[in-house]
Protein backbone atom coordinates (compact mmCIF):
# COMPACT_ATOMS: atom_id res chain seq x y z
CA UNK A 1 -7.39 30.94 -15.88
CA UNK A 2 -4.46 29.46 -17.33
CA UNK A 3 -0.53 30.47 -15.63
CA UNK A 4 1.90 31.20 -17.25
CA UNK A 5 4.92 32.81 -15.74
CA UNK A 6 4.68 35.87 -18.16
CA UNK A 7 2.39 37.00 -16.20
CA UNK A 8 2.55 36.46 -12.33
CA UNK A 9 0.25 38.35 -10.80
CA UNK A 10 -3.63 36.85 -10.77
CA UNK A 11 -6.56 38.85 -8.39
CA UNK A 12 -9.46 41.08 -9.09
CA UNK A 13 -9.90 43.23 -11.44
CA UNK A 14 -12.17 46.04 -10.74
CA UNK A 15 -13.16 48.85 -12.60
CA UNK A 16 -14.28 51.69 -12.00
CA UNK A 17 -17.43 53.37 -13.31
CA UNK A 18 -17.78 56.67 -15.15
CA UNK A 19 -19.40 58.38 -12.74
CA UNK A 20 -16.84 56.60 -10.30
CA UNK A 21 -14.20 58.63 -12.58
CA UNK A 22 -13.08 55.82 -14.94
CA UNK A 23 -13.85 55.46 -18.02
CA UNK A 24 -15.96 57.15 -20.28
CA UNK A 25 -16.60 53.91 -22.75
CA UNK A 26 -17.00 51.56 -19.75
CA UNK A 27 -14.44 48.38 -19.28
CA UNK A 28 -12.03 47.53 -22.03
CA UNK A 29 -12.41 45.99 -24.65
CA UNK A 30 -8.74 43.24 -24.31
CA UNK A 31 -6.81 42.27 -27.73
CA UNK A 32 -4.79 39.20 -28.09
CA UNK A 33 -2.17 40.68 -26.13
CA UNK A 34 -4.12 41.64 -23.18
CA UNK A 35 -4.33 46.04 -21.95
CA UNK A 36 -1.96 48.22 -21.56
CA UNK A 37 -1.88 50.63 -19.17
CA UNK A 38 -0.21 52.95 -17.02
CA UNK A 39 -0.15 51.18 -13.21
CA UNK A 40 1.17 52.67 -9.58
CA UNK A 41 1.57 50.07 -6.04
CA UNK A 42 0.46 53.00 -3.32
CA UNK A 43 1.42 54.94 -1.50
CA UNK A 44 3.21 55.92 -4.66
CA UNK A 45 1.52 58.26 -6.88
CA UNK A 46 0.93 58.18 -10.94
CA UNK A 47 3.27 61.25 -10.42
CA UNK A 48 6.03 59.61 -8.34
CA UNK A 49 5.67 56.12 -9.31
CA UNK A 50 4.33 55.65 -12.82
CA UNK A 51 5.09 52.44 -14.92
CA UNK A 52 3.74 50.48 -18.14
CA UNK A 53 1.35 47.49 -16.68
CA UNK A 54 -0.26 44.87 -19.07
CA UNK A 55 -3.59 43.49 -17.95
CA UNK A 56 -4.68 39.90 -19.96
CA UNK A 57 -7.02 36.96 -19.09
CA UNK A 58 -10.49 39.35 -18.08
CA UNK A 59 -14.27 39.17 -19.45
CA UNK A 60 -14.25 41.96 -22.25
CA UNK A 61 -17.19 44.60 -20.39
CA UNK A 62 -17.24 43.17 -17.03
CA UNK A 63 -16.94 45.30 -13.55
CA UNK A 64 -15.15 43.18 -11.75
CA UNK A 65 -13.58 39.98 -12.95
CA UNK A 66 -10.18 37.27 -12.13
CA UNK A 67 -7.16 39.29 -14.57
CA UNK A 68 -3.80 37.81 -15.31
CA UNK A 69 -1.08 41.16 -14.52
CA UNK A 70 2.86 42.30 -15.21
CA UNK A 71 5.00 45.34 -15.77
CA UNK A 72 6.19 45.51 -19.22
CA UNK A 73 9.41 47.42 -18.47
CA UNK A 74 10.53 47.60 -14.77
CA UNK A 75 10.68 44.90 -11.66
CA UNK A 76 8.87 43.02 -9.48
CA UNK A 77 10.56 45.04 -6.29
CA UNK A 78 11.42 49.02 -5.08
CA UNK A 79 8.10 50.74 -5.84
CA UNK A 80 6.84 48.07 -8.36
CA UNK A 81 6.82 44.56 -5.29
CA UNK A 82 3.91 43.31 -6.24
CA UNK A 83 2.76 40.00 -3.94
CA UNK A 84 -0.29 37.98 -2.26
CA UNK A 85 -2.15 41.89 -0.74
CA UNK A 86 -1.38 44.33 -3.02
CA UNK A 87 -3.83 46.82 -4.91
CA UNK A 88 -2.34 47.73 -8.49
CA UNK A 89 -4.11 50.93 -9.57
CA UNK A 90 -4.81 51.16 -12.92
CA UNK A 91 -4.44 54.49 -14.64
CA UNK A 92 -5.19 56.09 -18.33
CA UNK A 93 -2.50 58.54 -17.68
CA UNK A 94 -1.89 59.58 -14.42
CA UNK A 95 -6.56 59.60 -13.83
CA UNK A 96 -6.98 56.07 -12.21
CA UNK A 97 -9.85 52.96 -14.06
CA UNK A 98 -9.21 49.99 -12.39
CA UNK A 99 -7.90 48.29 -9.02
CA UNK A 100 -5.80 45.17 -9.84
CA UNK A 101 -6.31 43.03 -6.28
CA UNK A 102 -3.35 39.89 -6.19
CA UNK A 103 -4.03 37.16 -4.77
CA UNK A 104 -1.25 35.49 -6.01
CA UNK A 105 1.52 35.79 -7.27
CA UNK A 106 3.20 32.65 -9.50
């Protein structure tokens, strides 16, 4: 996985299956810019801590894959603080569709 200061979060991305409430079409196909979604860091929820999040460097169609991520607008602080061990809940609207398990932050 290429290192990039623009995508400082690195870890394992787990997509929920449709049966678990995930995307009906399964894992998304990233574009050249990655995959933009919403996300939050527990204990916040989709109602109290949602912000734009971008994922890239993940295997298209894989249910579990390595990935890199970043907040699009907010900083890595306060309710959006991500560090090694954080789980970022990836959503489409308020619906959780995946979990990004952060292993390291550059």
